[in-house]
Amino acid sequence: MDMPDRKRAGGSVADVLPRIVGAFVAGAFSVVAFHQLAWGLFYVTGVSPVVPYPIRPVPPFGVPRVVSQMFWGGLWGIVLMSLLRTRRGTRYWLLLFAMGFGFIVPSLVGLFVVPLLKGLPPGASQQTGQPEMIIQLVGTFANLAWGFGTALILRLLPPKFEFRA
């Protein structure tokens, strides 16, 4: 395979890789700076019993839950970046799109797909295994905060990362 064959619609691999890495870092950092902060606010106000920044190990690798959440936030960040790149408009609308994406897509996956993969019924809380709707509702708002934070961080990345809408 020679170099011209490696060209894709978005540019060469060397052009696309910084955008992917930047989106992953933005999504992962947003988990710590926005998602878990939202959980913390809900926890200290008594709205949710879920403790922020959980360090309990999770299978299959035994990493702290917050590290697992950062990994998945990074992957969702790549998805969000690819969707935001196709949108044009003011920053206001892009942030609203990102917040809506965070509020809906990861929340639905967390509500229906993840519990099934873990052998739990749909809607069951990953923390307790029980269908606690307040935890699921709070989680959607934490995901909204993640979407906002990821879009904001993507906007702050240096030009090398080429995310500009």
N, C-alpha and C. Protein backbone atom coordinates (compact mmCIF):
# COMPACT_ATOMS: atom_id res chain seq x y z
N MET A 1 0.85 -1.17 0.00
CA MET A 1 0.00 0.00 0.00
C MET A 1 0.89 1.23 0.00
N ASP A 2 0.81 2.03 -1.04
CA ASP A 2 1.63 3.22 -1.10
C ASP A 2 0.91 4.40 -0.46
N MET A 3 1.60 5.49 -0.29
CA MET A 3 1.09 6.63 0.45
C MET A 3 -0.19 7.22 -0.13
N PRO A 4 -0.33 7.39 -1.47
CA PRO A 4 -1.57 7.97 -1.97
C PRO A 4 -2.80 7.14 -1.65
N ASP A 5 -2.66 5.82 -1.49
CA ASP A 5 -3.81 4.98 -1.15
C ASP A 5 -4.30 5.24 0.26
N ARG A 6 -3.49 5.85 1.09
CA ARG A 6 -3.88 6.08 2.49
C ARG A 6 -4.71 7.35 2.63
N LYS A 7 -4.87 8.10 1.57
CA LYS A 7 -5.68 9.31 1.62
C LYS A 7 -7.14 8.94 1.82
N ARG A 8 -7.83 9.69 2.64
CA ARG A 8 -9.25 9.49 2.89
C ARG A 8 -9.96 10.81 2.69
N ALA A 9 -11.27 10.79 2.83
CA ALA A 9 -12.06 12.00 2.62
C ALA A 9 -11.63 13.13 3.55
N GLY A 10 -11.22 12.81 4.78
CA GLY A 10 -10.83 13.82 5.74
C GLY A 10 -9.36 14.18 5.69
N GLY A 11 -8.60 13.63 4.78
CA GLY A 11 -7.18 13.89 4.68
C GLY A 11 -6.39 12.63 4.95
N SER A 12 -5.08 12.79 5.05
CA SER A 12 -4.23 11.63 5.30
C SER A 12 -4.37 11.19 6.76
N VAL A 13 -3.83 10.02 7.04
CA VAL A 13 -3.87 9.50 8.41
C VAL A 13 -3.18 10.49 9.35
N ALA A 14 -2.08 11.08 8.90
CA ALA A 14 -1.37 12.06 9.73
C ALA A 14 -2.20 13.32 9.99
N ASP A 15 -3.11 13.64 9.08
CA ASP A 15 -3.99 14.79 9.28
C ASP A 15 -5.15 14.47 10.21
N VAL A 16 -5.66 13.26 10.13
CA VAL A 16 -6.84 12.87 10.90
C VAL A 16 -6.49 12.47 12.33
N LEU A 17 -5.34 11.86 12.52
CA LEU A 17 -4.96 11.35 13.84
C LEU A 17 -4.97 12.41 14.94
N PRO A 18 -4.42 13.62 14.71
CA PRO A 18 -4.50 14.63 15.79
C PRO A 18 -5.93 14.99 16.16
N ARG A 19 -6.85 15.02 15.19
CA ARG A 19 -8.25 15.32 15.50
C ARG A 19 -8.85 14.22 16.37
N ILE A 20 -8.53 12.96 16.06
CA ILE A 20 -9.07 11.84 16.84
C ILE A 20 -8.50 11.86 18.25
N VAL A 21 -7.20 12.08 18.37
CA VAL A 21 -6.57 12.13 19.69
C VAL A 21 -7.12 13.31 20.49
N GLY A 22 -7.25 14.46 19.84
CA GLY A 22 -7.81 15.63 20.52
C GLY A 22 -9.23 15.40 21.00
N ALA A 23 -10.05 14.76 20.17
CA ALA A 23 -11.43 14.48 20.55
C ALA A 23 -11.48 13.49 21.71
N PHE A 24 -10.60 12.48 21.68
CA PHE A 24 -10.56 11.51 22.77
C PHE A 24 -10.17 12.20 24.08
N VAL A 25 -9.14 13.02 24.03
CA VAL A 25 -8.68 13.73 25.22
C VAL A 25 -9.77 14.68 25.73
N ALA A 26 -10.43 15.38 24.81
CA ALA A 26 -11.50 16.31 25.21
C ALA A 26 -12.64 15.56 25.90
N GLY A 27 -13.05 14.42 25.34
CA GLY A 27 -14.12 13.64 25.94
C GLY A 27 -13.73 13.06 27.29
N ALA A 28 -12.49 12.57 27.38
CA ALA A 28 -12.02 11.98 28.64
C ALA A 28 -11.88 13.05 29.72
N PHE A 29 -11.31 14.19 29.38
CA PHE A 29 -11.14 15.25 30.36
C PHE A 29 -12.49 15.83 30.78
N SER A 30 -13.44 15.86 29.85
CA SER A 30 -14.77 16.37 30.18
C SER A 30 -15.47 15.49 31.21
N VAL A 31 -15.15 14.21 31.23
CA VAL A 31 -15.73 13.33 32.26
C VAL A 31 -15.31 13.82 33.64
N VAL A 32 -14.03 14.14 33.78
CA VAL A 32 -13.51 14.57 35.08
C VAL A 32 -13.97 15.99 35.43
N ALA A 33 -13.90 16.89 34.46
CA ALA A 33 -14.15 18.30 34.73
C ALA A 33 -15.62 18.69 34.71
N PHE A 34 -16.46 17.96 33.97
CA PHE A 34 -17.87 18.36 33.84
C PHE A 34 -18.83 17.27 34.32
N HIS A 35 -18.69 16.06 33.80
CA HIS A 35 -19.60 14.96 34.13
C HIS A 35 -19.56 14.64 35.63
N GLN A 36 -18.37 14.39 36.15
CA GLN A 36 -18.26 14.03 37.56
C GLN A 36 -18.54 15.22 38.48
N LEU A 37 -18.25 16.42 38.02
CA LEU A 37 -18.60 17.61 38.79
C LEU A 37 -20.12 17.71 38.92
N ALA A 38 -20.85 17.41 37.84
CA ALA A 38 -22.31 17.42 37.91
C ALA A 38 -22.80 16.36 38.90
N TRP A 39 -22.21 15.15 38.84
CA TRP A 39 -22.58 14.12 39.82
C TRP A 39 -22.30 14.62 41.24
N GLY A 40 -21.18 15.30 41.41
CA GLY A 40 -20.83 15.84 42.73
C GLY A 40 -21.84 16.84 43.24
N LEU A 41 -22.32 17.70 42.35
CA LEU A 41 -23.33 18.68 42.76
C LEU A 41 -24.63 17.98 43.15
N PHE A 42 -25.01 16.97 42.39
CA PHE A 42 -26.22 16.22 42.75
C PHE A 42 -26.03 15.45 44.05
N TYR A 43 -24.82 14.99 44.31
CA TYR A 43 -24.53 14.23 45.53
C TYR A 43 -24.58 15.13 46.77
N VAL A 44 -23.89 16.27 46.71
CA VAL A 44 -23.84 17.15 47.89
C VAL A 44 -25.18 17.81 48.18
N THR A 45 -26.03 17.94 47.18
CA THR A 45 -27.36 18.50 47.43
C THR A 45 -28.37 17.44 47.84
N GLY A 46 -27.95 16.18 47.86
CA GLY A 46 -28.83 15.11 48.29
C GLY A 46 -29.77 14.58 47.22
N VAL A 47 -29.61 15.02 45.99
CA VAL A 47 -30.48 14.57 44.91
C VAL A 47 -30.15 13.12 44.51
N SER A 48 -28.87 12.77 44.57
CA SER A 48 -28.43 11.43 44.15
C SER A 48 -27.53 10.81 45.21
N PRO A 49 -27.67 9.50 45.41
CA PRO A 49 -26.78 8.81 46.36
C PRO A 49 -25.45 8.39 45.73
N VAL A 50 -25.28 8.64 44.44
CA VAL A 50 -24.07 8.20 43.73
C VAL A 50 -22.92 9.16 44.03
N VAL A 51 -21.84 8.60 44.57
CA VAL A 51 -20.66 9.38 44.92
C VAL A 51 -19.87 9.70 43.65
N PRO A 52 -19.45 10.96 43.47
CA PRO A 52 -18.66 11.30 42.28
C PRO A 52 -17.24 10.74 42.37
N TYR A 53 -16.57 10.70 41.24
CA TYR A 53 -15.19 10.23 41.13
C TYR A 53 -15.02 8.84 41.77
N PRO A 54 -15.84 7.87 41.33
CA PRO A 54 -15.78 6.53 41.95
C PRO A 54 -14.47 5.82 41.62
N ILE A 55 -13.86 5.24 42.64
CA ILE A 55 -12.58 4.54 42.43
C ILE A 55 -12.70 3.03 42.60
N ARG A 56 -13.93 2.54 42.83
CA ARG A 56 -14.12 1.10 42.95
C ARG A 56 -13.74 0.44 41.63
N PRO A 57 -12.93 -0.62 41.68
CA PRO A 57 -12.52 -1.30 40.43
C PRO A 57 -13.71 -1.93 39.71
N VAL A 58 -13.66 -1.87 38.38
CA VAL A 58 -14.71 -2.48 37.57
C VAL A 58 -14.10 -3.50 36.62
N PRO A 59 -14.85 -4.57 36.35
CA PRO A 59 -14.36 -5.58 35.42
C PRO A 59 -14.32 -5.01 34.00
N PRO A 60 -13.62 -5.56 33.07
CA PRO A 60 -12.82 -6.78 33.19
C PRO A 60 -11.38 -6.52 33.60
N PHE A 61 -10.93 -5.25 33.62
CA PHE A 61 -9.52 -4.97 33.88
C PHE A 61 -9.23 -4.50 35.29
N GLY A 62 -10.26 -4.26 36.08
CA GLY A 62 -10.07 -3.84 37.46
C GLY A 62 -9.59 -2.41 37.61
N VAL A 63 -9.85 -1.56 36.62
CA VAL A 63 -9.47 -0.15 36.74
C VAL A 63 -10.55 0.58 37.53
N PRO A 64 -10.21 1.71 38.16
CA PRO A 64 -11.23 2.48 38.87
C PRO A 64 -12.35 2.90 37.91
N ARG A 65 -13.57 2.93 38.44
CA ARG A 65 -14.74 3.27 37.60
C ARG A 65 -14.54 4.60 36.88
N VAL A 66 -13.97 5.59 37.54
CA VAL A 66 -13.80 6.90 36.89
C VAL A 66 -12.85 6.80 35.70
N VAL A 67 -11.85 5.93 35.77
CA VAL A 67 -10.94 5.73 34.63
C VAL A 67 -11.70 5.07 33.48
N SER A 68 -12.55 4.09 33.79
CA SER A 68 -13.38 3.47 32.77
C SER A 68 -14.31 4.50 32.14
N GLN A 69 -14.90 5.36 32.97
CA GLN A 69 -15.78 6.40 32.45
C GLN A 69 -15.01 7.37 31.56
N MET A 70 -13.76 7.67 31.92
CA MET A 70 -12.95 8.55 31.09
C MET A 70 -12.67 7.92 29.73
N PHE A 71 -12.38 6.62 29.72
CA PHE A 71 -12.14 5.92 28.46
C PHE A 71 -13.38 6.01 27.57
N TRP A 72 -14.55 5.68 28.12
CA TRP A 72 -15.77 5.73 27.32
C TRP A 72 -16.12 7.17 26.94
N GLY A 73 -15.85 8.13 27.82
CA GLY A 73 -16.06 9.53 27.47
C GLY A 73 -15.17 9.95 26.30
N GLY A 74 -13.95 9.42 26.27
CA GLY A 74 -13.06 9.70 25.14
C GLY A 74 -13.59 9.14 23.84
N LEU A 75 -14.12 7.91 23.89
CA LEU A 75 -14.68 7.33 22.67
C LEU A 75 -15.92 8.10 22.21
N TRP A 76 -16.78 8.49 23.17
CA TRP A 76 -17.94 9.31 22.82
C TRP A 76 -17.49 10.66 22.29
N GLY A 77 -16.35 11.17 22.78
CA GLY A 77 -15.81 12.44 22.29
C GLY A 77 -15.45 12.37 20.82
N ILE A 78 -14.92 11.22 20.38
CA ILE A 78 -14.60 11.03 18.96
C ILE A 78 -15.88 11.06 18.14
N VAL A 79 -16.91 10.38 18.63
CA VAL A 79 -18.20 10.38 17.91
C VAL A 79 -18.76 11.80 17.84
N LEU A 80 -18.74 12.51 18.97
CA LEU A 80 -19.27 13.87 19.00
C LEU A 80 -18.48 14.78 18.06
N MET A 81 -17.16 14.68 18.07
CA MET A 81 -16.35 15.51 17.19
C MET A 81 -16.70 15.26 15.73
N SER A 82 -16.88 13.99 15.36
CA SER A 82 -17.20 13.70 13.96
C SER A 82 -18.57 14.27 13.58
N LEU A 83 -19.51 14.30 14.52
CA LEU A 83 -20.82 14.90 14.25
C LEU A 83 -20.74 16.43 14.20
N LEU A 84 -19.96 17.02 15.10
CA LEU A 84 -19.84 18.47 15.12
C LEU A 84 -19.13 19.00 13.89
N ARG A 85 -18.22 18.22 13.33
CA ARG A 85 -17.49 18.67 12.13
C ARG A 85 -18.42 18.86 10.95
N THR A 86 -19.55 18.16 10.95
CA THR A 86 -20.49 18.30 9.83
C THR A 86 -21.46 19.45 10.05
N ARG A 87 -21.46 20.04 11.22
CA ARG A 87 -22.39 21.12 11.54
C ARG A 87 -21.69 22.46 11.31
N ARG A 88 -22.44 23.40 10.81
CA ARG A 88 -21.94 24.76 10.64
C ARG A 88 -22.88 25.69 11.39
N GLY A 89 -22.34 26.74 11.92
CA GLY A 89 -23.20 27.69 12.62
C GLY A 89 -22.45 28.35 13.75
N THR A 90 -23.19 29.04 14.55
CA THR A 90 -22.58 29.76 15.65
C THR A 90 -22.18 28.79 16.76
N ARG A 91 -21.30 29.23 17.59
CA ARG A 91 -20.86 28.40 18.72
C ARG A 91 -22.03 28.04 19.63
N TYR A 92 -22.96 28.95 19.76
CA TYR A 92 -24.13 28.73 20.60
C TYR A 92 -24.86 27.47 20.15
N TRP A 93 -25.14 27.34 18.87
CA TRP A 93 -25.88 26.20 18.36
C TRP A 93 -25.07 24.92 18.46
N LEU A 94 -23.76 25.01 18.27
CA LEU A 94 -22.92 23.82 18.38
C LEU A 94 -22.90 23.31 19.82
N LEU A 95 -22.84 24.23 20.78
CA LEU A 95 -22.89 23.80 22.18
C LEU A 95 -24.24 23.17 22.51
N LEU A 96 -25.32 23.74 21.98
CA LEU A 96 -26.64 23.14 22.21
C LEU A 96 -26.73 21.75 21.58
N PHE A 97 -26.17 21.60 20.38
CA PHE A 97 -26.16 20.28 19.74
C PHE A 97 -25.38 19.29 20.59
N ALA A 98 -24.20 19.70 21.07
CA ALA A 98 -23.37 18.82 21.90
C ALA A 98 -24.08 18.45 23.20
N MET A 99 -24.75 19.41 23.80
CA MET A 99 -25.48 19.13 25.04
C MET A 99 -26.63 18.16 24.77
N GLY A 100 -27.33 18.36 23.66
CA GLY A 100 -28.41 17.44 23.30
C GLY A 100 -27.89 16.05 23.01
N PHE A 101 -26.75 15.97 22.32
CA PHE A 101 -26.14 14.68 22.04
C PHE A 101 -25.81 13.97 23.35
N GLY A 102 -25.15 14.68 24.27
CA GLY A 102 -24.79 14.09 25.55
C GLY A 102 -26.00 13.68 26.36
N PHE A 103 -27.03 14.49 26.31
CA PHE A 103 -28.26 14.22 27.07
C PHE A 103 -28.97 12.98 26.54
N ILE A 104 -28.96 12.79 25.22
CA ILE A 104 -29.76 11.72 24.61
C ILE A 104 -28.96 10.45 24.33
N VAL A 105 -27.91 10.53 23.52
CA VAL A 105 -27.27 9.32 22.99
C VAL A 105 -26.58 8.48 24.07
N PRO A 106 -25.58 9.02 24.80
CA PRO A 106 -24.97 8.17 25.83
C PRO A 106 -25.96 7.75 26.92
N SER A 107 -26.95 8.60 27.18
CA SER A 107 -27.94 8.25 28.20
C SER A 107 -28.78 7.05 27.77
N LEU A 108 -29.22 7.04 26.52
CA LEU A 108 -30.00 5.90 26.03
C LEU A 108 -29.16 4.62 26.00
N VAL A 109 -27.90 4.76 25.60
CA VAL A 109 -27.02 3.58 25.60
C VAL A 109 -26.83 3.09 27.04
N GLY A 110 -26.62 4.02 27.96
CA GLY A 110 -26.46 3.65 29.37
C GLY A 110 -27.72 3.07 29.99
N LEU A 111 -28.85 3.47 29.47
CA LEU A 111 -30.13 3.00 30.02
C LEU A 111 -30.55 1.64 29.46
N PHE A 112 -30.28 1.41 28.18
CA PHE A 112 -30.77 0.19 27.55
C PHE A 112 -29.69 -0.82 27.16
N VAL A 113 -28.55 -0.36 26.65
CA VAL A 113 -27.54 -1.28 26.13
C VAL A 113 -26.61 -1.79 27.23
N VAL A 114 -26.04 -0.89 28.00
CA VAL A 114 -25.06 -1.29 29.02
C VAL A 114 -25.64 -2.26 30.05
N PRO A 115 -26.82 -2.00 30.61
CA PRO A 115 -27.36 -2.98 31.56
C PRO A 115 -27.53 -4.38 30.96
N LEU A 116 -27.98 -4.44 29.72
CA LEU A 116 -28.14 -5.74 29.07
C LEU A 116 -26.80 -6.45 28.91
N LEU A 117 -25.75 -5.69 28.57
CA LEU A 117 -24.42 -6.29 28.43
C LEU A 117 -23.89 -6.80 29.77
N LYS A 118 -24.37 -6.20 30.86
CA LYS A 118 -23.92 -6.61 32.20
C LYS A 118 -24.87 -7.60 32.85
N GLY A 119 -25.86 -8.08 32.09
CA GLY A 119 -26.80 -9.05 32.63
C GLY A 119 -27.85 -8.46 33.54
N LEU A 120 -28.08 -7.15 33.45
CA LEU A 120 -29.08 -6.46 34.26
C LEU A 120 -30.28 -6.12 33.39
N PRO A 121 -31.42 -5.88 33.99
CA PRO A 121 -32.58 -5.46 33.19
C PRO A 121 -32.40 -4.03 32.67
N PRO A 122 -33.03 -3.70 31.54
CA PRO A 122 -32.95 -2.33 31.03
C PRO A 122 -33.41 -1.33 32.09
N GLY A 123 -32.71 -0.23 32.19
CA GLY A 123 -33.05 0.79 33.17
C GLY A 123 -32.42 0.60 34.53
N ALA A 124 -31.73 -0.52 34.73
CA ALA A 124 -31.10 -0.76 36.04
C ALA A 124 -29.88 0.13 36.19
N SER A 125 -29.70 0.65 37.37
CA SER A 125 -28.53 1.47 37.67
C SER A 125 -27.28 0.60 37.67
N GLN A 126 -26.23 1.09 37.06
CA GLN A 126 -24.97 0.34 37.04
C GLN A 126 -24.34 0.30 38.42
N GLN A 127 -24.65 1.29 39.26
CA GLN A 127 -24.07 1.33 40.60
C GLN A 127 -24.77 0.34 41.53
N THR A 128 -26.10 0.25 41.43
CA THR A 128 -26.83 -0.58 42.38
C THR A 128 -27.45 -1.83 41.77
N GLY A 129 -27.60 -1.85 40.44
CA GLY A 129 -28.25 -2.98 39.78
C GLY A 129 -29.76 -2.93 39.87
N GLN A 130 -30.30 -1.90 40.49
CA GLN A 130 -31.74 -1.74 40.66
C GLN A 130 -32.26 -0.64 39.73
N PRO A 131 -33.52 -0.72 39.32
CA PRO A 131 -34.09 0.32 38.45
C PRO A 131 -34.43 1.58 39.24
N GLU A 132 -33.46 2.38 39.53
CA GLU A 132 -33.66 3.62 40.28
C GLU A 132 -33.72 4.78 39.29
N MET A 133 -34.91 5.25 39.03
CA MET A 133 -35.11 6.26 38.00
C MET A 133 -34.43 7.59 38.33
N ILE A 134 -34.32 7.93 39.61
CA ILE A 134 -33.66 9.19 39.94
C ILE A 134 -32.20 9.16 39.52
N ILE A 135 -31.55 8.02 39.69
CA ILE A 135 -30.15 7.90 39.26
C ILE A 135 -30.06 8.02 37.74
N GLN A 136 -30.98 7.38 37.03
CA GLN A 136 -30.96 7.47 35.57
C GLN A 136 -31.24 8.90 35.11
N LEU A 137 -32.17 9.57 35.76
CA LEU A 137 -32.48 10.95 35.39
C LEU A 137 -31.30 11.88 35.66
N VAL A 138 -30.70 11.74 36.83
CA VAL A 138 -29.53 12.55 37.16
C VAL A 138 -28.40 12.26 36.17
N GLY A 139 -28.26 11.00 35.79
CA GLY A 139 -27.22 10.62 34.83
C GLY A 139 -27.36 11.31 33.50
N THR A 140 -28.61 11.53 33.06
CA THR A 140 -28.81 12.22 31.78
C THR A 140 -28.31 13.67 31.88
N PHE A 141 -28.51 14.30 33.02
CA PHE A 141 -28.02 15.67 33.18
C PHE A 141 -26.50 15.72 33.32
N ALA A 142 -25.93 14.70 33.93
CA ALA A 142 -24.47 14.62 33.99
C ALA A 142 -23.91 14.43 32.58
N ASN A 143 -24.60 13.65 31.76
CA ASN A 143 -24.18 13.46 30.37
C ASN A 143 -24.34 14.74 29.56
N LEU A 144 -25.36 15.53 29.87
CA LEU A 144 -25.53 16.83 29.23
C LEU A 144 -24.33 17.72 29.56
N ALA A 145 -23.91 17.71 30.82
CA ALA A 145 -22.73 18.50 31.23
C ALA A 145 -21.49 18.00 30.49
N TRP A 146 -21.38 16.67 30.32
CA TRP A 146 -20.26 16.11 29.57
C TRP A 146 -20.25 16.62 28.13
N GLY A 147 -21.42 16.63 27.47
CA GLY A 147 -21.50 17.11 26.09
C GLY A 147 -21.08 18.56 25.98
N PHE A 148 -21.55 19.39 26.91
CA PHE A 148 -21.15 20.80 26.93
C PHE A 148 -19.64 20.93 27.10
N GLY A 149 -19.10 20.20 28.08
CA GLY A 149 -17.66 20.29 28.35
C GLY A 149 -16.82 19.80 27.19
N THR A 150 -17.24 18.72 26.56
CA THR A 150 -16.48 18.18 25.43
C THR A 150 -16.46 19.18 24.27
N ALA A 151 -17.60 19.76 23.94
CA ALA A 151 -17.65 20.75 22.86
C ALA A 151 -16.81 21.97 23.20
N LEU A 152 -16.86 22.40 24.45
CA LEU A 152 -16.06 23.55 24.87
C LEU A 152 -14.57 23.25 24.76
N ILE A 153 -14.16 22.09 25.22
CA ILE A 153 -12.74 21.72 25.14
C ILE A 153 -12.31 21.58 23.69
N LEU A 154 -13.16 20.99 22.84
CA LEU A 154 -12.83 20.87 21.42
C LEU A 154 -12.60 22.24 20.80
N ARG A 155 -13.39 23.24 21.21
CA ARG A 155 -13.23 24.59 20.68
C ARG A 155 -11.92 25.23 21.14
N LEU A 156 -11.42 24.79 22.29
CA LEU A 156 -10.21 25.39 22.85
C LEU A 156 -8.93 24.71 22.38
N LEU A 157 -9.05 23.62 21.63
CA LEU A 157 -7.87 22.90 21.16
C LEU A 157 -7.07 23.77 20.20
N PRO A 158 -5.75 23.59 20.17
CA PRO A 158 -4.92 24.36 19.22
C PRO A 158 -5.29 24.04 17.77
N PRO A 159 -4.98 24.94 16.84
CA PRO A 159 -5.31 24.73 15.43
C PRO A 159 -4.76 23.43 14.85
N LYS A 160 -3.69 22.92 15.40
CA LYS A 160 -3.12 21.67 14.92
C LYS A 160 -4.17 20.55 14.91
N PHE A 161 -5.11 20.62 15.84
CA PHE A 161 -6.12 19.58 15.94
C PHE A 161 -7.27 19.79 14.97
N GLU A 162 -7.28 20.91 14.29
CA GLU A 162 -8.15 21.20 13.17
C GLU A 162 -9.64 21.03 13.40
N PHE A 163 -10.08 21.06 14.63
CA PHE A 163 -11.52 21.05 14.84
C PHE A 163 -11.98 22.49 14.81
N ARG A 164 -12.59 22.85 13.73
CA ARG A 164 -13.14 24.19 13.61
C ARG A 164 -14.44 24.09 12.87
N ALA A 165 -15.52 24.50 13.51
CA ALA A 165 -16.81 24.43 12.83
C ALA A 165 -17.19 25.79 12.31
